[in-house]
Protein backbone atom coordinates (compact mmCIF):
# COMPACT_ATOMS: atom_id res chain seq x y z
CA UNK A 1 0.00 0.00 0.00
CA UNK A 2 1.27 3.44 -0.86
CA UNK A 3 1.38 5.99 1.98
CA UNK A 4 -2.27 6.90 2.58
CA UNK A 5 -3.46 10.44 2.58
CA UNK A 6 -6.06 11.13 5.23
CA UNK A 7 -8.32 12.54 2.50
CA UNK A 8 -8.03 9.33 0.51
CA UNK A 9 -8.65 7.10 3.52
CA UNK A 10 -11.62 9.22 4.58
CA UNK A 11 -13.24 9.06 1.16
CA UNK A 12 -12.59 5.40 0.39
CA UNK A 13 -12.97 3.83 3.84
CA UNK A 14 -14.51 6.05 6.51
CA UNK A 15 -17.03 8.06 4.49
CA UNK A 16 -18.71 5.15 2.75
CA UNK A 17 -22.20 3.81 3.24
CA UNK A 18 -22.39 0.42 4.96
CA UNK A 19 -22.86 -2.56 2.68
CA UNK A 20 -24.27 -5.22 5.02
CA UNK A 21 -23.66 -8.87 4.14
CA UNK A 22 -27.06 -10.55 4.30
CA UNK A 23 -25.88 -13.96 5.48
CA UNK A 24 -23.97 -12.45 8.40
CA UNK A 25 -26.85 -10.14 9.29
CA UNK A 26 -29.17 -13.15 9.46
CA UNK A 27 -26.83 -14.55 12.10
CA UNK A 28 -26.97 -11.23 13.95
CA UNK A 29 -30.78 -11.39 13.97
CA UNK A 30 -30.69 -14.95 15.31
CA UNK A 31 -28.38 -13.90 18.13
CA UNK A 32 -30.60 -10.96 19.06
CA UNK A 33 -33.56 -13.34 19.38
CA UNK A 34 -31.74 -16.11 21.26
CA UNK A 35 -32.64 -16.15 24.96
CA UNK A 36 -30.37 -19.08 25.87
CA UNK A 37 -28.25 -18.47 28.98
CA UNK A 38 -24.53 -19.11 28.77
CA UNK A 39 -21.75 -18.83 31.33
CA UNK A 40 -19.24 -16.04 30.73
CA UNK A 41 -15.55 -16.16 31.55
CA UNK A 42 -14.50 -12.51 31.61
CA UNK A 43 -10.73 -11.98 31.49
CA UNK A 44 -10.99 -8.24 30.86
CA UNK A 45 -12.34 -5.12 32.53
CA UNK A 46 -15.80 -6.66 32.64
CA UNK A 47 -19.21 -5.30 31.82
CA UNK A 48 -20.22 -2.02 33.38
CA UNK A 49 -23.86 -3.04 32.93
CA UNK A 50 -24.04 -6.61 34.18
CA UNK A 51 -21.74 -8.39 36.63
CA UNK A 52 -23.69 -11.67 36.37
CA UNK A 53 -21.56 -14.40 34.79
CA UNK A 54 -24.69 -16.09 33.38
CA UNK A 55 -26.11 -13.97 30.57
CA UNK A 56 -28.45 -14.56 27.68
CA UNK A 57 -27.06 -14.66 24.17
CA UNK A 58 -29.40 -11.88 23.05
CA UNK A 59 -28.26 -9.66 25.94
CA UNK A 60 -24.60 -10.13 25.00
CA UNK A 61 -25.36 -9.55 21.33
CA UNK A 62 -27.29 -6.38 22.14
CA UNK A 63 -24.76 -4.85 24.55
CA UNK A 64 -21.39 -6.13 23.34
CA UNK A 65 -21.56 -6.56 19.57
CA UNK A 66 -20.38 -3.87 17.19
CA UNK A 67 -22.90 -2.07 15.03
CA UNK A 68 -23.56 -3.13 11.46
CA UNK A 69 -21.94 0.13 10.40
CA UNK A 70 -18.71 -0.68 12.23
CA UNK A 71 -18.60 -4.28 11.01
CA UNK A 72 -18.85 -2.99 7.44
CA UNK A 73 -16.11 -0.46 8.19
CA UNK A 74 -13.74 -3.23 9.30
CA UNK A 75 -14.32 -5.04 6.02
CA UNK A 76 -13.55 -1.86 4.07
CA UNK A 77 -10.26 -1.44 5.95
CA UNK A 78 -9.28 -5.02 5.10
CA UNK A 79 -10.19 -4.47 1.45
CA UNK A 80 -8.39 -1.11 1.31
CA UNK A 81 -5.02 -2.56 2.32
CA UNK A 82 -5.68 -5.93 0.64
CA UNK A 83 -5.07 -7.64 3.97
CA UNK A 84 -4.04 -11.27 3.66
CA UNK A 85 -3.18 -11.98 7.30
CA UNK A 86 -5.56 -10.66 9.96
CA UNK A 87 -5.49 -11.02 13.75
CA UNK A 88 -8.45 -10.29 16.00
CA UNK A 89 -8.24 -10.21 19.79
CA UNK A 90 -11.71 -10.80 21.23
CA UNK A 91 -13.98 -12.85 18.98
CA UNK A 92 -17.27 -12.45 20.85
CA UNK A 93 -19.93 -14.12 18.66
CA UNK A 94 -17.83 -13.68 15.52
CA UNK A 95 -19.79 -11.04 13.62
CA UNK A 96 -16.78 -8.76 13.00
CA UNK A 97 -14.64 -11.85 12.39
CA UNK A 98 -17.06 -12.92 9.67
CA UNK A 99 -17.00 -9.54 7.95
CA UNK A 100 -13.19 -9.68 7.92
CA UNK A 101 -13.18 -13.28 6.68
CA UNK A 102 -15.55 -12.38 3.85
CA UNK A 103 -12.35 -11.30 2.10
CA UNK A 104 -11.81 -14.80 0.75
CA UNK A 105 -8.06 -14.52 0.16
CA UNK A 106 -7.47 -13.47 3.79
CA UNK A 107 -6.68 -15.74 6.71
CA UNK A 108 -8.27 -14.55 9.96
CA UNK A 109 -6.97 -15.72 13.33
CA UNK A 110 -9.17 -14.77 16.26
CA UNK A 111 -8.71 -15.38 19.99
CA UNK A 112 -11.57 -15.65 22.48
CA UNK A 113 -11.14 -16.36 26.18
CA UNK A 114 -14.66 -17.38 27.11
CA UNK A 115 -15.33 -21.01 26.19
CA UNK A 116 -19.11 -20.77 25.72
CA UNK A 117 -18.89 -17.54 23.72
CA UNK A 118 -16.26 -19.16 21.49
CA UNK A 119 -18.58 -22.14 20.96
CA UNK A 120 -21.34 -19.82 19.72
CA UNK A 121 -18.88 -18.07 17.40
CA UNK A 122 -17.60 -21.37 16.02
CA UNK A 123 -21.16 -22.47 15.30
CA UNK A 124 -21.75 -19.22 13.43
CA UNK A 125 -18.62 -19.72 11.32
CA UNK A 126 -19.82 -23.22 10.43
CA UNK A 127 -23.25 -21.91 9.42
CA UNK A 128 -21.57 -19.33 7.19
CA UNK A 129 -19.21 -21.98 5.76
CA UNK A 130 -16.03 -20.03 6.41
CA UNK A 131 -12.83 -22.04 5.99
CA UNK A 132 -10.41 -19.14 6.41
CA UNK A 133 -10.99 -18.51 10.12
CA UNK A 134 -8.89 -20.05 12.89
CA UNK A 135 -10.48 -19.59 16.31
CA UNK A 136 -8.16 -20.00 19.29
CA UNK A 137 -10.15 -20.49 22.50
CA UNK A 138 -7.83 -19.44 25.31
CA UNK A 139 -6.82 -16.56 27.55
CA UNK A 140 -5.12 -14.09 25.21
CA UNK A 141 -2.42 -13.42 27.78
CA UNK A 142 -1.42 -17.09 27.68
CA UNK A 143 -1.41 -17.72 23.94
CA UNK A 144 -0.66 -14.45 22.15
CA UNK A 145 3.14 -14.94 21.92
CA UNK A 146 2.70 -18.40 20.39
CA UNK A 147 -0.03 -17.27 17.98
CA UNK A 148 2.08 -14.33 16.81
CA UNK A 149 5.07 -16.57 16.13
CA UNK A 150 2.88 -18.83 13.99
CA UNK A 151 1.02 -16.29 11.86
CA UNK A 152 3.25 -13.23 11.45
CA UNK A 153 3.72 -10.92 9.61
CA UNK A 154 0.37 -9.21 10.09
CA UNK A 155 -1.45 -6.89 7.71
CA UNK A 156 -4.39 -5.95 9.93
CA UNK A 157 -4.94 -6.27 13.68
CA UNK A 158 -8.20 -5.57 15.48
CA UNK A 159 -8.06 -5.37 19.29
CA UNK A 160 -11.39 -5.70 21.11
CA UNK A 161 -10.46 -7.63 24.22
CA UNK A 162 -9.35 -6.68 27.73
CA UNK A 163 -10.40 -3.04 27.99
CA UNK A 164 -7.71 -1.90 30.42
CA UNK A 165 -4.68 0.33 30.06
CA UNK A 166 -2.16 -2.37 30.98
CA UNK A 167 -3.62 -5.02 28.69
CA UNK A 168 -3.91 -2.69 25.70
CA UNK A 169 -0.30 -1.54 26.03
CA UNK A 170 0.86 -5.13 26.52
CA UNK A 171 -0.96 -6.28 23.39
CA UNK A 172 0.61 -3.50 21.35
CA UNK A 173 4.11 -4.21 22.68
CA UNK A 174 3.80 -7.87 21.72
CA UNK A 175 2.18 -7.29 18.32
CA UNK A 176 4.21 -4.33 17.04
CA UNK A 177 7.37 -6.32 16.13
CA UNK A 178 5.23 -8.48 13.83
CA UNK A 179 3.71 -5.59 11.85
CA UNK A 180 4.90 -4.34 8.49
CA UNK A 181 5.26 -0.93 6.92
CA UNK A 182 1.77 -1.33 5.45
CA UNK A 183 -0.02 -2.69 8.53
CA UNK A 184 -2.98 -1.07 10.27
CA UNK A 185 -3.79 -1.73 13.93
CA UNK A 186 -7.30 -0.90 15.17
CA UNK A 187 -8.02 -0.46 18.87
CA UNK A 188 -11.70 -0.65 19.75
CA UNK A 189 -13.48 1.44 22.40
CA UNK A 190 -10.71 3.96 22.95
CA UNK A 191 -13.19 6.26 24.72
CA UNK A 192 -14.70 3.47 26.84
CA UNK A 193 -12.83 4.53 30.00
CA UNK A 194 -10.10 6.87 31.19
CA UNK A 195 -7.71 3.94 31.11
CA UNK A 196 -8.51 3.08 27.50
CA UNK A 197 -8.14 6.70 26.39
CA UNK A 198 -4.83 6.95 28.25
CA UNK A 199 -3.64 3.83 26.45
CA UNK A 200 -4.74 5.27 23.11
CA UNK A 201 -2.87 8.52 23.69
CA UNK A 202 0.28 6.61 24.61
CA UNK A 203 0.07 4.45 21.52
CA UNK A 204 -0.34 7.53 19.32
CA UNK A 205 2.91 8.88 20.75
CA UNK A 206 4.96 5.75 19.99
CA UNK A 207 7.79 6.33 17.56
CA UNK A 208 6.69 3.39 15.42
CA UNK A 209 3.31 5.05 14.73
CA UNK A 210 3.40 7.47 11.80
CA UNK A 211 -0.32 8.27 11.58
CA UNK A 212 -3.18 7.92 14.05
CA UNK A 213 -6.89 8.48 13.45
CA UNK A 214 -9.53 8.73 16.17
CA UNK A 215 -13.00 7.87 14.84
CA UNK A 216 -14.40 7.74 18.39
CA UNK A 217 -15.72 4.17 18.07
CA UNK A 218 -12.11 3.08 17.64
CA UNK A 219 -8.61 4.30 16.92
CA UNK A 220 -6.48 3.42 13.88
CA UNK A 221 -2.69 3.27 13.90
CA UNK A 222 -0.53 3.32 10.75
CA UNK A 223 3.14 2.44 10.59
CA UNK A 224 4.23 3.61 7.15
CA UNK A 225 7.76 4.98 7.24
CA UNK A 226 8.48 8.31 5.60
CA UNK A 227 5.25 9.96 6.74
CA UNK A 228 5.27 13.10 8.85
CA UNK A 229 3.89 11.99 12.21
CA UNK A 230 0.32 13.25 12.50
CA UNK A 231 -2.95 12.66 14.34
CA UNK A 232 -6.52 13.26 13.21
CA UNK A 233 -9.96 13.09 14.79
CA UNK A 234 -12.61 12.26 12.21
CA UNK A 235 -16.34 11.84 12.65
CA UNK A 236 -17.42 8.31 11.74
């Protein structure tokens, strides 16, 4: 990928109408109607709405899943950089994973800590007949170094896992050596808490980051050498 201009990225990726994928949206509808209770293993900052470890699938889908608009945005990012190797931290029910994997020549590796959530996601991938997704069900902290050594280099990374300052910085520190000049790293929920915003600001300041874009829902980090270091806030 040539060095992106913010204008180009805005026009081709950010400022585009969502193009929902019907088969994936059917899965989303099923999840939103599913009242089955599952047990949650939460390795992150936890829900600010519900501390109960037994939650219904439709509750999780309603409160934790990304919007259709954001799922479509992730797919556009993958298409824009022609990502072949994608890593996602935090699978949830696999809706964003599926949008990323819809790029058929990409391999998506996704890590989910909660066993029963991962089982729902795996079932969704099977329904959608994806064969380019590898789901690793484990605590990210325990498996990330091994996963990185097996799948690097990475074109696109999407972090939507442990929403704490320490975890976010740790993920970046481990992932950064495996990125390329053309990689994009997306950090979800950068305005979710003071800790997440502090982590985002620190990542923007890292010398490896040449361009950072805050779209409020998430933050994007670029690593292209030769760019004048800059930061933008853009309405999404």
